[in-house]
Amino acid sequence: MAKGRGIGFLLTVIVLGVLIGGVIGEIIGLLMPVGVVKEFFLRSVDAQLGPVTLDLHAFSITMGFGLRLNIVSVLGVALVAYLFRWYR
């Protein structure tokens, strides 16, 4: 791995890429007419974990995690990785 590019860098690239790709995907969904191309860009895979509840009698904590990936999110990760390559 290159100097200064640890797991934090990788997580930053993935999170920013998914966020940017998700926003671009929503914009595409608003602008494109109904059809096969719109369906291709907006079809997503959902992964969820939880909810998990930790009950400690005095208080309880409920946590969960969900991830929605589509083709635009994957392209967003690639774009951010390419841009960050030149940043460092």
C-alpha atoms as a PDB file:
ATOM      1  CA  MET A   1       0.000   0.000   0.000  1.00  0.00           C
ATOM      2  CA  ALA A   2       1.276   3.502  -0.766  1.00  0.00           C
ATOM      3  CA  LYS A   3       2.652   5.644   2.014  1.00  0.00           C
ATOM      4  CA  GLY A   4      -0.076   7.486   3.943  1.00  0.00           C
ATOM      5  CA  ARG A   5      -2.964   5.495   2.463  1.00  0.00           C
ATOM      6  CA  GLY A   6      -4.303   3.290   5.192  1.00  0.00           C
ATOM      7  CA  ILE A   7      -7.718   1.949   6.044  1.00  0.00           C
ATOM      8  CA  GLY A   8      -8.981   5.451   6.896  1.00  0.00           C
ATOM      9  CA  PHE A   9      -8.203   6.615   3.380  1.00  0.00           C
ATOM     10  CA  LEU A  10      -9.986   3.617   1.888  1.00  0.00           C
ATOM     11  CA  LEU A  11     -13.081   4.148   4.048  1.00  0.00           C
ATOM     12  CA  THR A  12     -13.141   7.849   3.136  1.00  0.00           C
ATOM     13  CA  VAL A  13     -13.029   7.018  -0.578  1.00  0.00           C
ATOM     14  CA  ILE A  14     -15.822   4.462  -0.280  1.00  0.00           C
ATOM     15  CA  VAL A  15     -18.119   6.630   1.858  1.00  0.00           C
ATOM     16  CA  LEU A  16     -17.645   9.771  -0.249  1.00  0.00           C
ATOM     17  CA  GLY A  17     -18.042   7.806  -3.465  1.00  0.00           C
ATOM     18  CA  VAL A  18     -21.272   6.178  -2.345  1.00  0.00           C
ATOM     19  CA  LEU A  19     -22.673   9.512  -1.138  1.00  0.00           C
ATOM     20  CA  ILE A  20     -21.773  11.364  -4.328  1.00  0.00           C
ATOM     21  CA  GLY A  21     -23.030   8.494  -6.473  1.00  0.00           C
ATOM     22  CA  GLY A  22     -26.287   8.353  -4.523  1.00  0.00           C
ATOM     23  CA  VAL A  23     -26.914  12.064  -5.024  1.00  0.00           C
ATOM     24  CA  ILE A  24     -26.123  11.827  -8.737  1.00  0.00           C
ATOM     25  CA  GLY A  25     -28.404   8.792  -8.998  1.00  0.00           C
ATOM     26  CA  GLU A  26     -31.284  10.698  -7.411  1.00  0.00           C
ATOM     27  CA  ILE A  27     -30.730  13.586  -9.838  1.00  0.00           C
ATOM     28  CA  ILE A  28     -30.745  11.151 -12.770  1.00  0.00           C
ATOM     29  CA  GLY A  29     -33.981   9.680 -11.426  1.00  0.00           C
ATOM     30  CA  LEU A  30     -35.612  13.100 -11.391  1.00  0.00           C
ATOM     31  CA  LEU A  31     -34.417  14.173 -14.842  1.00  0.00           C
ATOM     32  CA  MET A  32     -34.779  11.027 -16.964  1.00  0.00           C
ATOM     33  CA  PRO A  33     -38.065   9.860 -18.445  1.00  0.00           C
ATOM     34  CA  VAL A  34     -39.447   6.477 -17.434  1.00  0.00           C
ATOM     35  CA  GLY A  35     -37.745   3.690 -19.356  1.00  0.00           C
ATOM     36  CA  VAL A  36     -35.115   0.991 -19.420  1.00  0.00           C
ATOM     37  CA  VAL A  37     -32.166   3.374 -19.033  1.00  0.00           C
ATOM     38  CA  LYS A  38     -33.652   4.999 -15.939  1.00  0.00           C
ATOM     39  CA  GLU A  39     -34.385   1.552 -14.503  1.00  0.00           C
ATOM     40  CA  PHE A  40     -30.773   0.487 -15.158  1.00  0.00           C
ATOM     41  CA  PHE A  41     -29.304   3.481 -13.339  1.00  0.00           C
ATOM     42  CA  LEU A  42     -31.702   3.355 -10.401  1.00  0.00           C
ATOM     43  CA  ARG A  43     -31.894  -0.383  -9.728  1.00  0.00           C
ATOM     44  CA  SER A  44     -30.190  -0.997  -6.417  1.00  0.00           C
ATOM     45  CA  VAL A  45     -29.098  -3.772  -4.105  1.00  0.00           C
ATOM     46  CA  ASP A  46     -30.085  -3.315  -0.465  1.00  0.00           C
ATOM     47  CA  ALA A  47     -28.138  -4.850   2.405  1.00  0.00           C
ATOM     48  CA  GLN A  48     -29.308  -4.426   5.982  1.00  0.00           C
ATOM     49  CA  LEU A  49     -28.029  -5.484   9.355  1.00  0.00           C
ATOM     50  CA  GLY A  50     -30.234  -5.198  12.389  1.00  0.00           C
ATOM     51  CA  PRO A  51     -31.933  -3.753  14.182  1.00  0.00           C
ATOM     52  CA  VAL A  52     -30.052  -5.070  17.186  1.00  0.00           C
ATOM     53  CA  THR A  53     -31.255  -4.075  20.644  1.00  0.00           C
ATOM     54  CA  LEU A  54     -29.083  -3.954  23.740  1.00  0.00           C
ATOM     55  CA  ASP A  55     -31.299  -3.765  26.827  1.00  0.00           C
ATOM     56  CA  LEU A  56     -29.457  -2.825  30.028  1.00  0.00           C
ATOM     57  CA  HIS A  57     -32.564  -2.456  32.192  1.00  0.00           C
ATOM     58  CA  ALA A  58     -31.890   1.254  32.891  1.00  0.00           C
ATOM     59  CA  PHE A  59     -31.707   2.097  29.205  1.00  0.00           C
ATOM     60  CA  SER A  60     -31.702   0.346  25.861  1.00  0.00           C
ATOM     61  CA  ILE A  61     -29.848   0.979  22.626  1.00  0.00           C
ATOM     62  CA  THR A  62     -31.133  -0.043  19.213  1.00  0.00           C
ATOM     63  CA  MET A  63     -28.746   0.010  16.262  1.00  0.00           C
ATOM     64  CA  GLY A  64     -28.954  -0.982  12.649  1.00  0.00           C
ATOM     65  CA  PHE A  65     -27.082  -0.510   9.393  1.00  0.00           C
ATOM     66  CA  GLY A  66     -28.340  -0.330   5.846  1.00  0.00           C
ATOM     67  CA  LEU A  67     -26.552   0.055   2.531  1.00  0.00           C
ATOM     68  CA  ARG A  68     -28.092   0.730  -0.867  1.00  0.00           C
ATOM     69  CA  LEU A  69     -25.783   0.363  -3.859  1.00  0.00           C
ATOM     70  CA  ASN A  70     -26.562   1.075  -7.485  1.00  0.00           C
ATOM     71  CA  ILE A  71     -24.436   1.459 -10.601  1.00  0.00           C
ATOM     72  CA  VAL A  72     -24.114   5.212 -10.096  1.00  0.00           C
ATOM     73  CA  SER A  73     -22.813   4.671  -6.547  1.00  0.00           C
ATOM     74  CA  VAL A  74     -20.147   2.309  -7.858  1.00  0.00           C
ATOM     75  CA  LEU A  75     -19.187   4.880 -10.502  1.00  0.00           C
ATOM     76  CA  GLY A  76     -19.055   7.490  -7.729  1.00  0.00           C
ATOM     77  CA  VAL A  77     -16.573   5.371  -5.757  1.00  0.00           C
ATOM     78  CA  ALA A  78     -14.416   5.001  -8.885  1.00  0.00           C
ATOM     79  CA  LEU A  79     -14.568   8.764  -9.531  1.00  0.00           C
ATOM     80  CA  VAL A  80     -13.611   9.695  -5.964  1.00  0.00           C
ATOM     81  CA  ALA A  81     -10.798   7.117  -5.943  1.00  0.00           C
ATOM     82  CA  TYR A  82      -9.459   8.600  -9.187  1.00  0.00           C
ATOM     83  CA  LEU A  83      -9.661  12.164  -7.838  1.00  0.00           C
ATOM     84  CA  PHE A  84      -8.075  11.219  -4.493  1.00  0.00           C
ATOM     85  CA  ARG A  85      -5.259   9.524  -6.360  1.00  0.00           C
ATOM     86  CA  TRP A  86      -4.102  12.938  -7.508  1.00  0.00           C
ATOM     87  CA  TYR A  87      -4.829  14.612  -4.149  1.00  0.00           C
ATOM     88  CA  ARG A  88      -2.145  12.801  -2.155  1.00  0.00           C
END
